[in-house]
PDB file of all heavy atoms in Angstrom:
ATOM      1  N   CYS A   1      86.657  80.603 111.453  1.00  0.00           N
ATOM      2  CA  CYS A   1      85.648  81.246 110.712  1.00  0.00           C
ATOM      3  C   CYS A   1      86.213  81.628 109.283  1.00  0.00           C
ATOM      4  O   CYS A   1      87.270  82.223 109.132  1.00  0.00           O
ATOM      5  CB  CYS A   1      85.200  82.557 111.360  1.00  0.00           C
ATOM      6  SG  CYS A   1      83.927  83.615 110.494  1.00  0.00           S
ATOM      7  N   ARG A   2      85.468  81.237 108.285  1.00  0.00           N
ATOM      8  CA  ARG A   2      85.844  81.640 106.909  1.00  0.00           C
ATOM      9  C   ARG A   2      85.572  83.139 106.737  1.00  0.00           C
ATOM     10  O   ARG A   2      84.422  83.571 106.962  1.00  0.00           O
ATOM     11  CB  ARG A   2      85.063  80.874 105.918  1.00  0.00           C
ATOM     12  CG  ARG A   2      85.386  79.389 105.809  1.00  0.00           C
ATOM     13  CD  ARG A   2      86.718  79.097 105.113  1.00  0.00           C
ATOM     14  NE  ARG A   2      86.712  79.464 103.751  1.00  0.00           N
ATOM     15  CZ  ARG A   2      87.774  79.417 102.950  1.00  0.00           C
ATOM     16  NH1 ARG A   2      88.914  79.062 103.423  1.00  0.00           N
ATOM     17  NH2 ARG A   2      87.714  79.750 101.643  1.00  0.00           N
ATOM     18  N   LYS A   3      86.550  83.941 106.284  1.00  0.00           N
ATOM     19  CA  LYS A   3      86.323  85.346 106.191  1.00  0.00           C
ATOM     20  C   LYS A   3      86.811  85.849 104.767  1.00  0.00           C
ATOM     21  O   LYS A   3      87.993  85.552 104.388  1.00  0.00           O
ATOM     22  CB  LYS A   3      87.016  86.153 107.339  1.00  0.00           C
ATOM     23  CG  LYS A   3      88.454  85.775 107.550  1.00  0.00           C
ATOM     24  CD  LYS A   3      88.990  86.468 108.734  1.00  0.00           C
ATOM     25  CE  LYS A   3      90.475  86.218 109.042  1.00  0.00           C
ATOM     26  NZ  LYS A   3      91.067  86.929 110.105  1.00  0.00           N
ATOM     27  N   PHE A   4      86.086  86.622 104.096  1.00  0.00           N
ATOM     28  CA  PHE A   4      86.441  87.094 102.771  1.00  0.00           C
ATOM     29  C   PHE A   4      85.687  88.335 102.399  1.00  0.00           C
ATOM     30  O   PHE A   4      84.649  88.692 103.043  1.00  0.00           O
ATOM     31  CB  PHE A   4      86.157  85.932 101.768  1.00  0.00           C
ATOM     32  CG  PHE A   4      84.842  85.299 101.855  1.00  0.00           C
ATOM     33  CD1 PHE A   4      83.698  85.736 101.153  1.00  0.00           C
ATOM     34  CD2 PHE A   4      84.649  84.261 102.705  1.00  0.00           C
ATOM     35  CE1 PHE A   4      82.495  85.105 101.196  1.00  0.00           C
ATOM     36  CE2 PHE A   4      83.391  83.584 102.824  1.00  0.00           C
ATOM     37  CZ  PHE A   4      82.338  83.949 102.140  1.00  0.00           C
ATOM     38  N   SER A   5      86.171  89.029 101.424  1.00  0.00           N
ATOM     39  CA  SER A   5      85.542  90.276 101.035  1.00  0.00           C
ATOM     40  C   SER A   5      84.744  90.044  99.772  1.00  0.00           C
ATOM     41  O   SER A   5      84.892  89.033  99.139  1.00  0.00           O
ATOM     42  CB  SER A   5      86.536  91.362 100.719  1.00  0.00           C
ATOM     43  OG  SER A   5      87.507  90.954  99.633  1.00  0.00           O
ATOM     44  N   TYR A   6      83.897  91.061  99.454  1.00  0.00           N
ATOM     45  CA  TYR A   6      83.150  91.063  98.197  1.00  0.00           C
ATOM     46  C   TYR A   6      83.035  92.408  97.626  1.00  0.00           C
ATOM     47  O   TYR A   6      82.452  93.361  98.282  1.00  0.00           O
ATOM     48  CB  TYR A   6      81.736  90.413  98.308  1.00  0.00           C
ATOM     49  CG  TYR A   6      81.106  90.480  96.924  1.00  0.00           C
ATOM     50  CD1 TYR A   6      81.476  89.551  95.995  1.00  0.00           C
ATOM     51  CD2 TYR A   6      80.237  91.432  96.524  1.00  0.00           C
ATOM     52  CE1 TYR A   6      80.909  89.558  94.714  1.00  0.00           C
ATOM     53  CE2 TYR A   6      79.765  91.589  95.227  1.00  0.00           C
ATOM     54  CZ  TYR A   6      80.132  90.567  94.330  1.00  0.00           C
ATOM     55  OH  TYR A   6      79.616  90.666  93.031  1.00  0.00           O
ATOM     56  N   ALA A   7      83.666  92.665  96.510  1.00  0.00           N
ATOM     57  CA  ALA A   7      83.571  93.940  95.728  1.00  0.00           C
ATOM     58  C   ALA A   7      83.794  95.165  96.601  1.00  0.00           C
ATOM     59  O   ALA A   7      83.040  96.166  96.420  1.00  0.00           O
ATOM     60  CB  ALA A   7      82.227  93.984  95.048  1.00  0.00           C
ATOM     61  N   ALA A   8      84.729  95.076  97.467  1.00  0.00           N
ATOM     62  CA  ALA A   8      84.983  96.305  98.290  1.00  0.00           C
ATOM     63  C   ALA A   8      85.630  97.356  97.528  1.00  0.00           C
ATOM     64  O   ALA A   8      86.523  97.054  96.635  1.00  0.00           O
ATOM     65  CB  ALA A   8      85.944  95.863  99.487  1.00  0.00           C
ATOM     66  N   SER A   9      85.344  98.615  97.659  1.00  0.00           N
ATOM     67  CA  SER A   9      85.941  99.728  97.114  1.00  0.00           C
ATOM     68  C   SER A   9      87.024 100.327  98.029  1.00  0.00           C
ATOM     69  O   SER A   9      86.822 100.343  99.237  1.00  0.00           O
ATOM     70  CB  SER A   9      84.900 100.841  96.734  1.00  0.00           C
ATOM     71  OG  SER A   9      84.439 100.618  95.434  1.00  0.00           O
ATOM     72  N   VAL A  10      88.047 100.697  97.402  1.00  0.00           N
ATOM     73  CA  VAL A  10      89.267 101.084  98.233  1.00  0.00           C
ATOM     74  C   VAL A  10      89.426 102.608  98.464  1.00  0.00           C
ATOM     75  O   VAL A  10      89.717 103.092  99.476  1.00  0.00           O
ATOM     76  CB  VAL A  10      90.559 100.517  97.544  1.00  0.00           C
ATOM     77  CG1 VAL A  10      91.819 100.874  98.350  1.00  0.00           C
ATOM     78  CG2 VAL A  10      90.411  98.993  97.535  1.00  0.00           C
ATOM     79  N   GLY A  11      89.338 103.375  97.354  1.00  0.00           N
ATOM     80  CA  GLY A  11      89.663 104.770  97.526  1.00  0.00           C
ATOM     81  C   GLY A  11      91.127 104.998  97.414  1.00  0.00           C
ATOM     82  O   GLY A  11      91.970 104.141  97.013  1.00  0.00           O
ATOM     83  N   THR A  12      91.581 106.181  97.855  1.00  0.00           N
ATOM     84  CA  THR A  12      92.966 106.489  97.835  1.00  0.00           C
ATOM     85  C   THR A  12      93.580 106.172  99.233  1.00  0.00           C
ATOM     86  O   THR A  12      93.157 106.707 100.243  1.00  0.00           O
ATOM     87  CB  THR A  12      93.167 108.036  97.520  1.00  0.00           C
ATOM     88  OG1 THR A  12      92.582 108.300  96.322  1.00  0.00           O
ATOM     89  CG2 THR A  12      94.650 108.420  97.503  1.00  0.00           C
ATOM     90  N   VAL A  13      94.600 105.287  99.126  1.00  0.00           N
ATOM     91  CA  VAL A  13      95.359 104.942 100.381  1.00  0.00           C
ATOM     92  C   VAL A  13      96.808 105.406 100.177  1.00  0.00           C
ATOM     93  O   VAL A  13      97.429 105.026  99.263  1.00  0.00           O
ATOM     94  CB  VAL A  13      95.325 103.371 100.635  1.00  0.00           C
ATOM     95  CG1 VAL A  13      96.054 103.091 101.783  1.00  0.00           C
ATOM     96  CG2 VAL A  13      93.863 102.916 100.661  1.00  0.00           C
ATOM     97  N   LYS A  14      97.277 106.222 101.209  1.00  0.00           N
ATOM     98  CA  LYS A  14      98.620 106.727 101.079  1.00  0.00           C
ATOM     99  C   LYS A  14      99.658 105.600 101.196  1.00  0.00           C
ATOM    100  O   LYS A  14      99.411 104.558 101.832  1.00  0.00           O
ATOM    101  CB  LYS A  14      98.870 107.761 102.228  1.00  0.00           C
ATOM    102  CG  LYS A  14      98.073 108.962 102.092  1.00  0.00           C
ATOM    103  CD  LYS A  14      98.316 110.042 103.220  1.00  0.00           C
ATOM    104  CE  LYS A  14      97.528 111.259 103.007  1.00  0.00           C
ATOM    105  NZ  LYS A  14      97.715 112.200 104.062  1.00  0.00           N
ATOM    106  N   PRO A  15     100.783 105.722 100.513  1.00  0.00           N
ATOM    107  CA  PRO A  15     101.793 104.690 100.569  1.00  0.00           C
ATOM    108  C   PRO A  15     102.184 104.123 101.940  1.00  0.00           C
ATOM    109  O   PRO A  15     102.417 102.894 102.136  1.00  0.00           O
ATOM    110  CB  PRO A  15     103.014 105.283  99.880  1.00  0.00           C
ATOM    111  CG  PRO A  15     102.404 106.235  98.917  1.00  0.00           C
ATOM    112  CD  PRO A  15     101.167 106.795  99.654  1.00  0.00           C
ATOM    113  N   ALA A  16     102.149 104.999 102.928  1.00  0.00           N
ATOM    114  CA  ALA A  16     102.544 104.619 104.278  1.00  0.00           C
ATOM    115  C   ALA A  16     101.496 103.641 104.936  1.00  0.00           C
ATOM    116  O   ALA A  16     101.876 102.880 105.812  1.00  0.00           O
ATOM    117  CB  ALA A  16     102.597 105.832 105.208  1.00  0.00           C
ATOM    118  N   LYS A  17     100.274 103.704 104.359  1.00  0.00           N
ATOM    119  CA  LYS A  17      99.222 102.768 104.946  1.00  0.00           C
ATOM    120  C   LYS A  17      99.006 101.576 104.069  1.00  0.00           C
ATOM    121  O   LYS A  17      98.263 100.651 104.450  1.00  0.00           O
ATOM    122  CB  LYS A  17      97.920 103.581 105.034  1.00  0.00           C
ATOM    123  CG  LYS A  17      97.872 104.717 106.057  1.00  0.00           C
ATOM    124  CD  LYS A  17      97.943 104.095 107.464  1.00  0.00           C
ATOM    125  CE  LYS A  17      97.804 105.188 108.536  1.00  0.00           C
ATOM    126  NZ  LYS A  17      97.963 104.635 109.877  1.00  0.00           N
ATOM    127  N   GLN A  18      99.557 101.535 102.843  1.00  0.00           N
ATOM    128  CA  GLN A  18      99.318 100.446 101.951  1.00  0.00           C
ATOM    129  C   GLN A  18      99.905  99.122 102.505  1.00  0.00           C
ATOM    130  O   GLN A  18      99.209  98.116 102.392  1.00  0.00           O
ATOM    131  CB  GLN A  18      99.954 100.726 100.558  1.00  0.00           C
ATOM    132  CG  GLN A  18      99.175 101.860  99.871  1.00  0.00           C
ATOM    133  CD  GLN A  18      99.906 102.198  98.528  1.00  0.00           C
ATOM    134  OE1 GLN A  18     100.823 101.554  98.070  1.00  0.00           O
ATOM    135  NE2 GLN A  18      99.374 103.209  97.869  1.00  0.00           N
ATOM    136  N   LYS A  19     101.057  99.175 103.124  1.00  0.00           N
ATOM    137  CA  LYS A  19     101.645  97.915 103.743  1.00  0.00           C
ATOM    138  C   LYS A  19     100.732  97.396 104.804  1.00  0.00           C
ATOM    139  O   LYS A  19     100.505  96.194 104.935  1.00  0.00           O
ATOM    140  CB  LYS A  19     103.007  98.258 104.293  1.00  0.00           C
ATOM    141  CG  LYS A  19     103.773  97.035 104.790  1.00  0.00           C
ATOM    142  CD  LYS A  19     105.109  97.389 105.205  1.00  0.00           C
ATOM    143  CE  LYS A  19     105.850  96.159 105.773  1.00  0.00           C
ATOM    144  NZ  LYS A  19     107.242  96.485 106.266  1.00  0.00           N
ATOM    145  N   THR A  20     100.208  98.294 105.599  1.00  0.00           N
ATOM    146  CA  THR A  20      99.279  97.846 106.705  1.00  0.00           C
ATOM    147  C   THR A  20      98.023  97.146 106.153  1.00  0.00           C
ATOM    148  O   THR A  20      97.596  96.079 106.595  1.00  0.00           O
ATOM    149  CB  THR A  20      98.843  99.054 107.578  1.00  0.00           C
ATOM    150  OG1 THR A  20      99.996  99.641 108.085  1.00  0.00           O
ATOM    151  CG2 THR A  20      97.870  98.601 108.702  1.00  0.00           C
ATOM    152  N   MET A  21      97.475  97.791 105.118  1.00  0.00           N
ATOM    153  CA  MET A  21      96.309  97.325 104.462  1.00  0.00           C
ATOM    154  C   MET A  21      96.567  95.908 103.778  1.00  0.00           C
ATOM    155  O   MET A  21      95.741  95.006 103.941  1.00  0.00           O
ATOM    156  CB  MET A  21      95.735  98.213 103.471  1.00  0.00           C
ATOM    157  CG  MET A  21      94.415  97.781 102.827  1.00  0.00           C
ATOM    158  SD  MET A  21      93.624  99.070 101.848  1.00  0.00           S
ATOM    159  CE  MET A  21      92.548  98.185 100.868  1.00  0.00           C
ATOM    160  N   LEU A  22      97.723  95.783 103.186  1.00  0.00           N
ATOM    161  CA  LEU A  22      98.046  94.473 102.551  1.00  0.00           C
ATOM    162  C   LEU A  22      98.147  93.394 103.562  1.00  0.00           C
ATOM    163  O   LEU A  22      97.784  92.216 103.377  1.00  0.00           O
ATOM    164  CB  LEU A  22      99.326  94.647 101.769  1.00  0.00           C
ATOM    165  CG  LEU A  22      99.243  95.424 100.491  1.00  0.00           C
ATOM    166  CD1 LEU A  22     100.649  95.635  99.846  1.00  0.00           C
ATOM    167  CD2 LEU A  22      98.384  94.676  99.433  1.00  0.00           C
ATOM    168  N   GLY A  23      98.648  93.746 104.799  1.00  0.00           N
ATOM    169  CA  GLY A  23      98.706  92.773 105.826  1.00  0.00           C
ATOM    170  C   GLY A  23      97.311  92.328 106.243  1.00  0.00           C
ATOM    171  O   GLY A  23      97.094  91.104 106.476  1.00  0.00           O
ATOM    172  N   TYR A  24      96.335  93.269 106.325  1.00  0.00           N
ATOM    173  CA  TYR A  24      94.900  92.800 106.601  1.00  0.00           C
ATOM    174  C   TYR A  24      94.374  91.946 105.506  1.00  0.00           C
ATOM    175  O   TYR A  24      93.713  90.947 105.860  1.00  0.00           O
ATOM    176  CB  TYR A  24      94.077  94.091 106.720  1.00  0.00           C
ATOM    177  CG  TYR A  24      94.345  94.953 107.869  1.00  0.00           C
ATOM    178  CD1 TYR A  24      94.151  96.314 107.810  1.00  0.00           C
ATOM    179  CD2 TYR A  24      94.808  94.444 109.151  1.00  0.00           C
ATOM    180  CE1 TYR A  24      94.335  97.160 108.881  1.00  0.00           C
ATOM    181  CE2 TYR A  24      95.042  95.272 110.235  1.00  0.00           C
ATOM    182  CZ  TYR A  24      94.896  96.615 110.075  1.00  0.00           C
ATOM    183  OH  TYR A  24      95.085  97.492 111.116  1.00  0.00           O
ATOM    184  N   LEU A  25      94.696  92.248 104.266  1.00  0.00           N
ATOM    185  CA  LEU A  25      94.136  91.452 103.171  1.00  0.00           C
ATOM    186  C   LEU A  25      94.709  90.053 103.100  1.00  0.00           C
ATOM    187  O   LEU A  25      94.002  89.060 102.733  1.00  0.00           O
ATOM    188  CB  LEU A  25      94.402  92.181 101.825  1.00  0.00           C
ATOM    189  CG  LEU A  25      93.756  93.543 101.639  1.00  0.00           C
ATOM    190  CD1 LEU A  25      94.062  94.087 100.218  1.00  0.00           C
ATOM    191  CD2 LEU A  25      92.314  93.500 101.987  1.00  0.00           C
ATOM    192  N   LYS A  26      95.986  89.907 103.492  1.00  0.00           N
ATOM    193  CA  LYS A  26      96.644  88.605 103.443  1.00  0.00           C
ATOM    194  C   LYS A  26      96.024  87.671 104.521  1.00  0.00           C
ATOM    195  O   LYS A  26      96.106  86.444 104.413  1.00  0.00           O
ATOM    196  CB  LYS A  26      98.108  88.775 103.719  1.00  0.00           C
ATOM    197  CG  LYS A  26      98.922  89.396 102.572  1.00  0.00           C
ATOM    198  CD  LYS A  26     100.298  89.692 102.861  1.00  0.00           C
ATOM    199  CE  LYS A  26     101.006  90.457 101.780  1.00  0.00           C
ATOM    200  NZ  LYS A  26     102.460  90.798 102.107  1.00  0.00           N
ATOM    201  N   ASP A  27      95.347  88.270 105.515  1.00  0.00           N
ATOM    202  CA  ASP A  27      94.703  87.429 106.531  1.00  0.00           C
ATOM    203  C   ASP A  27      93.282  87.029 106.142  1.00  0.00           C
ATOM    204  O   ASP A  27      92.762  86.195 106.878  1.00  0.00           O
ATOM    205  CB  ASP A  27      94.643  88.293 107.816  1.00  0.00           C
ATOM    206  CG  ASP A  27      94.499  87.479 109.059  1.00  0.00           C
ATOM    207  OD1 ASP A  27      95.063  86.372 109.122  1.00  0.00           O
ATOM    208  OD2 ASP A  27      93.632  87.897 109.967  1.00  0.00           O
ATOM    209  N   LEU A  28      92.812  87.483 105.042  1.00  0.00           N
ATOM    210  CA  LEU A  28      91.537  87.032 104.557  1.00  0.00           C
ATOM    211  C   LEU A  28      91.617  85.725 103.770  1.00  0.00           C
ATOM    212  O   LEU A  28      92.662  85.417 103.218  1.00  0.00           O
ATOM    213  CB  LEU A  28      90.835  88.041 103.647  1.00  0.00           C
ATOM    214  CG  LEU A  28      90.538  89.415 104.320  1.00  0.00           C
ATOM    215  CD1 LEU A  28      90.012  90.368 103.245  1.00  0.00           C
ATOM    216  CD2 LEU A  28      89.481  89.277 105.423  1.00  0.00           C
ATOM    217  N   ASP A  29      90.586  84.871 103.749  1.00  0.00           N
ATOM    218  CA  ASP A  29      90.617  83.666 103.026  1.00  0.00           C
ATOM    219  C   ASP A  29      90.422  83.827 101.485  1.00  0.00           C
ATOM    220  O   ASP A  29      90.849  83.002 100.698  1.00  0.00           O
ATOM    221  CB  ASP A  29      89.585  82.739 103.495  1.00  0.00           C
ATOM    222  CG  ASP A  29      89.837  82.218 104.916  1.00  0.00           C
ATOM    223  OD1 ASP A  29      90.848  81.660 105.153  1.00  0.00           O
ATOM    224  OD2 ASP A  29      88.930  82.532 105.817  1.00  0.00           O
ATOM    225  N   ALA A  30      89.840  84.970 101.192  1.00  0.00           N
ATOM    226  CA  ALA A  30      89.650  85.291  99.712  1.00  0.00           C
ATOM    227  C   ALA A  30      89.450  86.797  99.618  1.00  0.00           C
ATOM    228  O   ALA A  30      88.813  87.420 100.512  1.00  0.00           O
ATOM    229  CB  ALA A  30      88.482  84.552  99.115  1.00  0.00           C
ATOM    230  N   VAL A  31      89.919  87.439  98.537  1.00  0.00           N
ATOM    231  CA  VAL A  31      89.864  88.859  98.367  1.00  0.00           C
ATOM    232  C   VAL A  31      89.178  89.229  97.061  1.00  0.00           C
ATOM    233  O   VAL A  31      89.556  88.795  95.994  1.00  0.00           O
ATOM    234  CB  VAL A  31      91.283  89.478  98.391  1.00  0.00           C
ATOM    235  CG1 VAL A  31      91.245  90.959  98.152  1.00  0.00           C
ATOM    236  CG2 VAL A  31      92.000  89.235  99.677  1.00  0.00           C
ATOM    237  N   SER A  32      88.132  90.051  97.172  1.00  0.00           N
ATOM    238  CA  SER A  32      87.397  90.551  96.049  1.00  0.00           C
ATOM    239  C   SER A  32      87.261  92.109  96.198  1.00  0.00           C
ATOM    240  O   SER A  32      86.839  92.570  97.265  1.00  0.00           O
ATOM    241  CB  SER A  32      86.029  89.856  95.950  1.00  0.00           C
ATOM    242  OG  SER A  32      85.129  90.655  95.150  1.00  0.00           O
ATOM    243  N   ILE A  33      87.633  92.795  95.137  1.00  0.00           N
ATOM    244  CA  ILE A  33      87.439  94.267  95.159  1.00  0.00           C
ATOM    245  C   ILE A  33      86.681  94.607  93.870  1.00  0.00           C
ATOM    246  O   ILE A  33      86.479  93.809  92.984  1.00  0.00           O
ATOM    247  CB  ILE A  33      88.855  95.018  95.173  1.00  0.00           C
ATOM    248  CG1 ILE A  33      89.727  94.569  93.974  1.00  0.00           C
ATOM    249  CG2 ILE A  33      89.511  94.797  96.488  1.00  0.00           C
ATOM    250  CD1 ILE A  33      91.042  95.335  94.009  1.00  0.00           C
ATOM    251  N   ARG A  34      86.192  95.818  93.845  1.00  0.00           N
ATOM    252  CA  ARG A  34      85.394  96.222  92.679  1.00  0.00           C
ATOM    253  C   ARG A  34      86.208  96.732  91.559  1.00  0.00           C
ATOM    254  O   ARG A  34      86.200  96.246  90.519  1.00  0.00           O
ATOM    255  CB  ARG A  34      84.381  97.333  93.152  1.00  0.00           C
ATOM    256  CG  ARG A  34      83.296  97.534  92.103  1.00  0.00           C
ATOM    257  CD  ARG A  34      82.377  98.753  92.530  1.00  0.00           C
ATOM    258  NE  ARG A  34      81.736  98.490  93.804  1.00  0.00           N
ATOM    259  CZ  ARG A  34      81.189  99.403  94.599  1.00  0.00           C
ATOM    260  NH1 ARG A  34      81.328 100.701  94.179  1.00  0.00           N
ATOM    261  NH2 ARG A  34      80.596  99.123  95.647  1.00  0.00           N
ATOM    262  N   GLU A  35      87.046  97.872  91.821  1.00  0.00           N
ATOM    263  CA  GLU A  35      87.858  98.390  90.766  1.00  0.00           C
ATOM    264  C   GLU A  35      89.190  97.941  90.891  1.00  0.00           C
ATOM    265  O   GLU A  35      89.722  97.307  91.817  1.00  0.00           O
ATOM    266  CB  GLU A  35      87.778  99.941  90.892  1.00  0.00           C
ATOM    267  CG  GLU A  35      86.482 100.619  90.854  1.00  0.00           C
ATOM    268  CD  GLU A  35      85.825 100.699  92.182  1.00  0.00           C
ATOM    269  OE1 GLU A  35      86.476 100.585  93.223  1.00  0.00           O
ATOM    270  OE2 GLU A  35      84.582 100.858  92.243  1.00  0.00           O
ATOM    271  N   LYS A  36      90.011  98.057  89.788  1.00  0.00           N
ATOM    272  CA  LYS A  36      91.338  97.630  89.771  1.00  0.00           C
ATOM    273  C   LYS A  36      92.180  98.618  90.575  1.00  0.00           C
ATOM    274  O   LYS A  36      91.997  99.850  90.447  1.00  0.00           O
ATOM    275  CB  LYS A  36      91.922  97.584  88.300  1.00  0.00           C
ATOM    276  CG  LYS A  36      91.310  96.520  87.469  1.00  0.00           C
ATOM    277  CD  LYS A  36      92.003  96.400  86.066  1.00  0.00           C
ATOM    278  CE  LYS A  36      91.376  95.318  85.245  1.00  0.00           C
ATOM    279  NZ  LYS A  36      91.633  93.954  85.900  1.00  0.00           N
ATOM    280  N   VAL A  37      93.028  98.041  91.426  1.00  0.00           N
ATOM    281  CA  VAL A  37      93.985  98.899  92.302  1.00  0.00           C
ATOM    282  C   VAL A  37      95.354  98.274  92.143  1.00  0.00           C
ATOM    283  O   VAL A  37      95.629  97.103  92.626  1.00  0.00           O
ATOM    284  CB  VAL A  37      93.538  98.807  93.782  1.00  0.00           C
ATOM    285  CG1 VAL A  37      94.458  99.678  94.594  1.00  0.00           C
ATOM    286  CG2 VAL A  37      92.092  99.279  93.938  1.00  0.00           C
ATOM    287  N   ASP A  38      96.246  98.969  91.420  1.00  0.00           N
ATOM    288  CA  ASP A  38      97.591  98.357  91.024  1.00  0.00           C
ATOM    289  C   ASP A  38      98.297  97.781  92.199  1.00  0.00           C
ATOM    290  O   ASP A  38      98.850  96.657  92.074  1.00  0.00           O
ATOM    291  CB  ASP A  38      98.421  99.469  90.306  1.00  0.00           C
ATOM    292  CG  ASP A  38      97.865  99.756  88.901  1.00  0.00           C
ATOM    293  OD1 ASP A  38      97.024  99.002  88.360  1.00  0.00           O
ATOM    294  OD2 ASP A  38      98.173 100.888  88.392  1.00  0.00           O
ATOM    295  N   TRP A  39      98.393  98.438  93.287  1.00  0.00           N
ATOM    296  CA  TRP A  39      99.222  98.002  94.416  1.00  0.00           C
ATOM    297  C   TRP A  39      98.679  96.834  95.075  1.00  0.00           C
ATOM    298  O   TRP A  39      99.410  96.096  95.844  1.00  0.00           O
ATOM    299  CB  TRP A  39      99.648  99.184  95.336  1.00  0.00           C
ATOM    300  CG  TRP A  39      98.458  99.878  95.996  1.00  0.00           C
ATOM    301  CD1 TRP A  39      97.744 100.893  95.505  1.00  0.00           C
ATOM    302  CD2 TRP A  39      97.883  99.542  97.247  1.00  0.00           C
ATOM    303  NE1 TRP A  39      96.741 101.310  96.361  1.00  0.00           N
ATOM    304  CE2 TRP A  39      96.769 100.449  97.391  1.00  0.00           C
ATOM    305  CE3 TRP A  39      98.065  98.573  98.174  1.00  0.00           C
ATOM    306  CZ2 TRP A  39      95.985 100.423  98.571  1.00  0.00           C
ATOM    307  CZ3 TRP A  39      97.261  98.537  99.363  1.00  0.00           C
ATOM    308  CH2 TRP A  39      96.226  99.450  99.536  1.00  0.00           C
ATOM    309  N   ILE A  40      97.337  96.578  94.914  1.00  0.00           N
ATOM    310  CA  ILE A  40      96.712  95.342  95.483  1.00  0.00           C
ATOM    311  C   ILE A  40      96.850  94.233  94.382  1.00  0.00           C
ATOM    312  O   ILE A  40      97.266  93.124  94.655  1.00  0.00           O
ATOM    313  CB  ILE A  40      95.247  95.614  95.891  1.00  0.00           C
ATOM    314  CG1 ILE A  40      95.234  96.647  97.031  1.00  0.00           C
ATOM    315  CG2 ILE A  40      94.666  94.255  96.290  1.00  0.00           C
ATOM    316  CD1 ILE A  40      93.758  96.928  97.422  1.00  0.00           C
ATOM    317  N   ASP A  41      96.448  94.553  93.187  1.00  0.00           N
ATOM    318  CA  ASP A  41      96.486  93.496  92.075  1.00  0.00           C
ATOM    319  C   ASP A  41      97.851  92.982  91.855  1.00  0.00           C
ATOM    320  O   ASP A  41      97.981  91.818  91.500  1.00  0.00           O
ATOM    321  CB  ASP A  41      95.957  94.206  90.808  1.00  0.00           C
ATOM    322  CG  ASP A  41      94.489  94.446  90.856  1.00  0.00           C
ATOM    323  OD1 ASP A  41      93.758  93.607  91.352  1.00  0.00           O
ATOM    324  OD2 ASP A  41      94.053  95.544  90.432  1.00  0.00           O
ATOM    325  N   ASP A  42      98.830  93.796  92.056  1.00  0.00           N
ATOM    326  CA  ASP A  42     100.195  93.347  91.793  1.00  0.00           C
ATOM    327  C   ASP A  42     100.924  92.695  92.959  1.00  0.00           C
ATOM    328  O   ASP A  42     102.098  92.292  92.877  1.00  0.00           O
ATOM    329  CB  ASP A  42     101.057  94.579  91.347  1.00  0.00           C
ATOM    330  CG  ASP A  42     100.631  95.168  90.039  1.00  0.00           C
ATOM    331  OD1 ASP A  42      99.851  94.446  89.279  1.00  0.00           O
ATOM    332  OD2 ASP A  42     100.915  96.348  89.684  1.00  0.00           O
TER     333      ASP A  42
END
């Protein structure tokens, strides 16, 4: 199944959870967010 996000908003994610979230995002076929989020963009 092709799976991807569209303009998702993130909010505040504590550093301890950022690594977990990045793991989820890497499993998507494409990633789209609404606002700039440094630790995701970088």
